Amino acid sequence: MDSIKNQIKNLEQEIIDLRRDFHMYPELGFQEFKSAEKVEAYLQNLGFKTNRVAKTGVTALLDSGKQGPCLMLRADMDALPVTEENKVSYKSKNDGIMHACGHDAHMAMLLVAAKVLKKNRSSFQGTIKFVFQPNEEIAGAVKMIEEGVLENPKVDAAMAIHIWSLIPSGRVSITPGVVMGGLDVFKMKIKGRGGHTGYPYEAIDPVITAADIIQNVQTIQTREMDAQKPVIIMFGRINGGKKANIIPEQVELEGTIRFLHAVERDSQNNPTKKFIRICKSICETHQCTCNIEIEHENIPLINDENMVALAKNTAANVFGTPDIIDHARYIAGEDFSEFSSIVPGVLIFLGCADGEKFTDYPHHNPKFNIDEDVLTKGVELHVKTALNYLNK
C-alpha cells in the first residue's frame, strides 16, 4: 500500500488545483451545473461513463471485473449563500456564493481517489460507485435515493469524508453511533388583531405572543428532554410590523430544531412535536392563532459499527493511531444520514484547522478556509478504505 501513498503524493498539486477551481466558481444546491460538467469531464477523461442523477448529481462506476460487493463513495457539491471575505487568489468569483463548508475539497478528493482507484482496479474485487451529490445543505440525498442511486448495482455500504475545522489538521474523527444531528426547519405565522399602540387592549398583540413563544420553547431542552439527548431550538428570523405605533396583524418566525439522537416522527418524545404543542398553547393563551410549517431536512446520522472499525483500522495506517479521535459528535446536520439509514455507512471527519494558516474559522463563516495539506490524506483514506472493504 505504500505505492498508493506515493501515487497520491505525486497528484497533490492536481488535488489543490481542482479544489481551488471548484472554490472560485461555487454554485447553490441543484444549480451546480458547471461543477457537474467539470466532474463529468474529469471522470470521462479517465475513461469512466458518467450518469446524471437528481438534475446536477453525477455518478460513475468502477467495476473490477471480479465478483464482490458494491461500495459507494460520496462527495457533496453545493455551496452556500455566503459572501466570501478571504483574501486569497482563488476567492469566489460568484457574488454572494461561497464554498464555506468544504464541499469543494470533497469533490477534489473524490475525483483524484477515482483516478487512483482506477489505476489500481486489479487489486480489488467488486464495484465502486462514485457519487457526487447536489444540494446537501437541503437534503438532496433523498432525491438521489428516489431516483435509484443505491441500485443498479445495489450498494452494500457507503462512505464519505467531511473536512472539519473543529479538528486540528492531521487528526481524524471516526465515531460509531450517532455523530450528527437531525434537523427540522420551522416557519410560523402568528395572527392577532392589529391596532394602535396607545390602545393595546383593543388589539390582540402577536408581538408579545411571539416573544413568549421564543422564551418558553427553550424549556423543552431543560425540562422535557433527557439531558443526554441534546436539543437546540434556534430562531433565525423574526418579521412583523411596519411602524412603531402600530400593533401588527401578524408576526412571522423561522428557525431550526436540532437533535442529537434518533427520534420517531410520531412519538410524543419528538422535540418538534413538543415545540408545536407549546406554540399552539401559548397562542391560545394570548388569543392568537398560528400556522406552523415543518420541513424535515435531516435525520440523525448514525455510523455503522463495522464500517467504523474498518475505517479506523485504515486511518491508523494513514494518520497514526494517536491522531484518531473516537468521541467527536456534532449537532449540525448532514444528509449522508439518508444513505447510512439504508445501507451500512461511515462519515469520517478530516481535521483542517490550523491557526497559523487561518483555517480554524467555523463552517458557514465568510472566512472559512481549509488547510490544503490534508487533501492528500483524505484521498489516501478514500482509496485505502475502499480497497480494505472490497478485499475484506
Foldseek 3Di string as FASTA:
>chain_A
DVVLLVVLVVCLVVLVVQLLQLFQEAAAFLGCQVVLVVLCVLVVVLVWDWDDFSNRKIKTKDALVADFAEEEEEAEGHWDQAAADDPDPSHHPDGRTGRQFCSSLQSSLLSVLVNSCNVVSPLFHGMYMYIYFGRFVQQRVVRRVVRPVCVPPHHAEYEYEGEFLVAAALFKEWAFWFFEKWKKKKKKKKFWAKDFQVCCVVIQAVVVLVVVLVPPLVCCQVPVDDVVKGKDWDWDDKDFDDDDGMRTRIIMIITMIIIRHADDPPDPSPSVVVSVVVSQVSSVVSVIHMDMDMDGRAHTAGADPVLSVLLLVQVCVLRNNVRYDHDRHYRHGGSVSVVCVPHHYTYMYRYFHDVVVQQNDGGPDSHHDGNSVCSSSSSSSVNSSVSSVRHD
